[in-house]
Amino acid sequence: MNREDRLRLWRAERAVDRMEEMDRKVFLAIRVEELSYSEIAQRFGITVADVEWHFAGSLRVLMVAMDEKDPWWWRFRF
């Protein structure tokens, strides 16, 4: 794994850590466990619309995190 891949993975892990609890649970159920929206809704006792809402929230967090600049980058600019 090259440096860029490691950095992307680190950002993604950090983003998942920053998600609201239910957003994180829904995101992991969809992306890792590959459950359907209806299965997730049944598991957590929420509606399919709520699953969509939480998944959208998790994707917003992930998109913002993946778009961030390297935290060290500013130190090396002259």
N, C-alpha and C. Protein backbone atom coordinates (compact mmCIF):
# COMPACT_ATOMS: atom_id res chain seq x y z
N MET A 1 0.86 -1.17 0.00
CA MET A 1 0.00 0.00 0.00
C MET A 1 0.91 1.24 0.00
N ASN A 2 0.67 2.12 -0.93
CA ASN A 2 1.51 3.32 -0.99
C ASN A 2 1.01 4.38 0.01
N ARG A 3 1.75 5.47 0.09
CA ARG A 3 1.45 6.53 1.06
C ARG A 3 0.07 7.13 0.84
N GLU A 4 -0.30 7.37 -0.41
CA GLU A 4 -1.62 7.96 -0.69
C GLU A 4 -2.75 7.04 -0.25
N ASP A 5 -2.60 5.75 -0.50
CA ASP A 5 -3.62 4.79 -0.08
C ASP A 5 -3.73 4.74 1.43
N ARG A 6 -2.60 4.76 2.12
CA ARG A 6 -2.61 4.75 3.58
C ARG A 6 -3.28 6.01 4.13
N LEU A 7 -3.02 7.14 3.50
CA LEU A 7 -3.62 8.39 3.93
C LEU A 7 -5.14 8.37 3.73
N ARG A 8 -5.59 7.87 2.58
CA ARG A 8 -7.03 7.76 2.33
C ARG A 8 -7.69 6.83 3.34
N LEU A 9 -7.05 5.71 3.63
CA LEU A 9 -7.59 4.78 4.61
C LEU A 9 -7.66 5.42 5.99
N TRP A 10 -6.61 6.14 6.37
CA TRP A 10 -6.59 6.83 7.66
C TRP A 10 -7.72 7.85 7.74
N ARG A 11 -7.92 8.61 6.66
CA ARG A 11 -9.01 9.61 6.64
C ARG A 11 -10.37 8.94 6.76
N ALA A 12 -10.55 7.83 6.04
CA ALA A 12 -11.84 7.13 6.09
C ALA A 12 -12.10 6.60 7.49
N GLU A 13 -11.09 6.01 8.12
CA GLU A 13 -11.26 5.50 9.48
C GLU A 13 -11.58 6.63 10.45
N ARG A 14 -10.90 7.73 10.30
CA ARG A 14 -11.16 8.90 11.16
C ARG A 14 -12.58 9.41 10.95
N ALA A 15 -13.04 9.42 9.70
CA ALA A 15 -14.39 9.88 9.40
C ALA A 15 -15.43 8.97 10.05
N VAL A 16 -15.22 7.67 9.98
CA VAL A 16 -16.16 6.73 10.59
C VAL A 16 -16.19 6.96 12.10
N ASP A 17 -15.04 7.22 12.70
CA ASP A 17 -14.99 7.50 14.14
C ASP A 17 -15.76 8.76 14.52
N ARG A 18 -15.84 9.73 13.59
CA ARG A 18 -16.51 11.01 13.88
C ARG A 18 -18.01 10.98 13.63
N MET A 19 -18.50 9.93 13.00
CA MET A 19 -19.93 9.86 12.68
C MET A 19 -20.76 9.73 13.95
N GLU A 20 -21.99 10.25 13.88
CA GLU A 20 -22.94 10.01 14.96
C GLU A 20 -23.14 8.50 15.09
N GLU A 21 -23.52 8.05 16.26
CA GLU A 21 -23.59 6.61 16.53
C GLU A 21 -24.49 5.86 15.53
N MET A 22 -25.70 6.34 15.32
CA MET A 22 -26.61 5.63 14.42
C MET A 22 -26.14 5.74 12.97
N ASP A 23 -25.58 6.90 12.59
CA ASP A 23 -25.03 7.04 11.23
C ASP A 23 -23.94 6.00 11.01
N ARG A 24 -23.07 5.82 12.00
CA ARG A 24 -21.97 4.86 11.90
C ARG A 24 -22.51 3.43 11.81
N LYS A 25 -23.50 3.10 12.64
CA LYS A 25 -24.08 1.75 12.62
C LYS A 25 -24.70 1.45 11.26
N VAL A 26 -25.45 2.41 10.73
CA VAL A 26 -26.09 2.22 9.43
C VAL A 26 -25.04 2.12 8.33
N PHE A 27 -24.06 3.00 8.35
CA PHE A 27 -22.99 2.97 7.34
C PHE A 27 -22.28 1.62 7.32
N LEU A 28 -21.90 1.12 8.49
CA LEU A 28 -21.18 -0.15 8.57
C LEU A 28 -22.08 -1.32 8.17
N ALA A 29 -23.36 -1.24 8.51
CA ALA A 29 -24.29 -2.30 8.12
C ALA A 29 -24.44 -2.36 6.60
N ILE A 30 -24.45 -1.20 5.95
CA ILE A 30 -24.59 -1.16 4.50
C ILE A 30 -23.28 -1.54 3.81
N ARG A 31 -22.19 -0.90 4.21
CA ARG A 31 -20.92 -1.07 3.49
C ARG A 31 -20.11 -2.29 3.90
N VAL A 32 -20.19 -2.70 5.16
CA VAL A 32 -19.38 -3.83 5.61
C VAL A 32 -20.21 -5.12 5.61
N GLU A 33 -21.38 -5.06 6.25
CA GLU A 33 -22.22 -6.25 6.34
C GLU A 33 -23.06 -6.48 5.09
N GLU A 34 -23.16 -5.46 4.24
CA GLU A 34 -23.91 -5.52 2.98
C GLU A 34 -25.37 -5.91 3.19
N LEU A 35 -25.99 -5.33 4.22
CA LEU A 35 -27.40 -5.56 4.49
C LEU A 35 -28.24 -4.61 3.64
N SER A 36 -29.48 -5.00 3.39
CA SER A 36 -30.40 -4.13 2.67
C SER A 36 -30.96 -3.10 3.63
N TYR A 37 -31.53 -2.04 3.06
CA TYR A 37 -32.12 -1.00 3.89
C TYR A 37 -33.21 -1.57 4.79
N SER A 38 -34.03 -2.47 4.25
CA SER A 38 -35.12 -3.04 5.05
C SER A 38 -34.57 -3.92 6.17
N GLU A 39 -33.50 -4.65 5.93
CA GLU A 39 -32.89 -5.46 6.98
C GLU A 39 -32.33 -4.58 8.10
N ILE A 40 -31.73 -3.47 7.71
CA ILE A 40 -31.17 -2.54 8.69
C ILE A 40 -32.29 -1.89 9.49
N ALA A 41 -33.35 -1.49 8.81
CA ALA A 41 -34.49 -0.88 9.50
C ALA A 41 -35.06 -1.84 10.53
N GLN A 42 -35.19 -3.09 10.16
CA GLN A 42 -35.72 -4.09 11.09
C GLN A 42 -34.75 -4.31 12.25
N ARG A 43 -33.47 -4.38 11.98
CA ARG A 43 -32.47 -4.61 13.03
C ARG A 43 -32.49 -3.51 14.09
N PHE A 44 -32.58 -2.25 13.64
CA PHE A 44 -32.49 -1.13 14.57
C PHE A 44 -33.85 -0.57 14.98
N GLY A 45 -34.92 -1.12 14.45
CA GLY A 45 -36.25 -0.66 14.83
C GLY A 45 -36.56 0.74 14.33
N ILE A 46 -36.10 1.05 13.12
CA ILE A 46 -36.35 2.35 12.50
C ILE A 46 -36.99 2.13 11.13
N THR A 47 -37.40 3.20 10.48
CA THR A 47 -38.00 3.08 9.16
C THR A 47 -36.91 3.06 8.09
N VAL A 48 -37.29 2.63 6.90
CA VAL A 48 -36.36 2.66 5.77
C VAL A 48 -35.94 4.10 5.47
N ALA A 49 -36.87 5.03 5.62
CA ALA A 49 -36.54 6.45 5.42
C ALA A 49 -35.48 6.91 6.42
N ASP A 50 -35.57 6.42 7.65
CA ASP A 50 -34.55 6.74 8.65
C ASP A 50 -33.19 6.16 8.27
N VAL A 51 -33.20 4.94 7.72
CA VAL A 51 -31.96 4.32 7.25
C VAL A 51 -31.34 5.20 6.16
N GLU A 52 -32.16 5.65 5.22
CA GLU A 52 -31.67 6.53 4.15
C GLU A 52 -31.10 7.82 4.73
N TRP A 53 -31.77 8.38 5.71
CA TRP A 53 -31.34 9.63 6.34
C TRP A 53 -29.98 9.45 7.03
N HIS A 54 -29.85 8.38 7.80
CA HIS A 54 -28.60 8.13 8.52
C HIS A 54 -27.46 7.81 7.56
N PHE A 55 -27.76 7.08 6.50
CA PHE A 55 -26.72 6.75 5.52
C PHE A 55 -26.26 8.03 4.81
N ALA A 56 -27.18 8.90 4.47
CA ALA A 56 -26.81 10.17 3.83
C ALA A 56 -25.94 11.00 4.78
N GLY A 57 -26.28 11.01 6.06
CA GLY A 57 -25.47 11.74 7.03
C GLY A 57 -24.06 11.18 7.13
N SER A 58 -23.95 9.87 7.10
CA SER A 58 -22.62 9.25 7.17
C SER A 58 -21.81 9.57 5.92
N LEU A 59 -22.46 9.60 4.77
CA LEU A 59 -21.75 9.92 3.53
C LEU A 59 -21.28 11.37 3.52
N ARG A 60 -22.06 12.28 4.11
CA ARG A 60 -21.63 13.68 4.21
C ARG A 60 -20.35 13.79 5.04
N VAL A 61 -20.31 13.10 6.16
CA VAL A 61 -19.11 13.12 7.01
C VAL A 61 -17.92 12.55 6.25
N LEU A 62 -18.15 11.47 5.55
CA LEU A 62 -17.07 10.82 4.80
C LEU A 62 -16.57 11.71 3.67
N MET A 63 -17.47 12.36 2.95
CA MET A 63 -17.05 13.23 1.85
C MET A 63 -16.24 14.41 2.35
N VAL A 64 -16.64 15.01 3.45
CA VAL A 64 -15.90 16.13 4.01
C VAL A 64 -14.51 15.67 4.44
N ALA A 65 -14.44 14.52 5.11
CA ALA A 65 -13.15 14.02 5.59
C ALA A 65 -12.22 13.67 4.44
N MET A 66 -12.74 13.11 3.38
CA MET A 66 -11.89 12.70 2.27
C MET A 66 -11.42 13.89 1.45
N ASP A 67 -12.07 15.03 1.61
CA ASP A 67 -11.69 16.22 0.87
C ASP A 67 -10.70 17.09 1.64
N GLU A 68 -10.42 16.75 2.90
CA GLU A 68 -9.52 17.55 3.71
C GLU A 68 -8.10 17.48 3.17
N LYS A 69 -7.36 18.53 3.37
CA LYS A 69 -5.95 18.56 3.02
C LYS A 69 -5.17 17.82 4.10
N ASP A 70 -3.99 17.36 3.75
CA ASP A 70 -3.15 16.69 4.74
C ASP A 70 -2.91 17.62 5.91
N PRO A 71 -3.02 17.15 7.15
CA PRO A 71 -2.82 18.02 8.30
C PRO A 71 -1.41 18.60 8.38
N TRP A 72 -0.44 17.93 7.82
CA TRP A 72 0.94 18.41 7.89
C TRP A 72 1.30 19.31 6.72
N TRP A 73 0.48 19.36 5.71
CA TRP A 73 0.83 20.02 4.46
C TRP A 73 1.19 21.51 4.65
N TRP A 74 0.44 22.22 5.45
CA TRP A 74 0.66 23.66 5.63
C TRP A 74 2.03 23.96 6.20
N ARG A 75 2.62 23.06 6.96
CA ARG A 75 3.90 23.31 7.60
C ARG A 75 5.04 23.42 6.60
N PHE A 76 4.90 22.81 5.42
CA PHE A 76 6.00 22.75 4.48
C PHE A 76 5.87 23.74 3.33
N ARG A 77 4.88 24.57 3.39
CA ARG A 77 4.73 25.59 2.35
C ARG A 77 5.54 26.82 2.70
N PHE A 78 6.17 27.39 1.72
CA PHE A 78 6.97 28.60 1.94
C PHE A 78 6.45 29.74 1.13
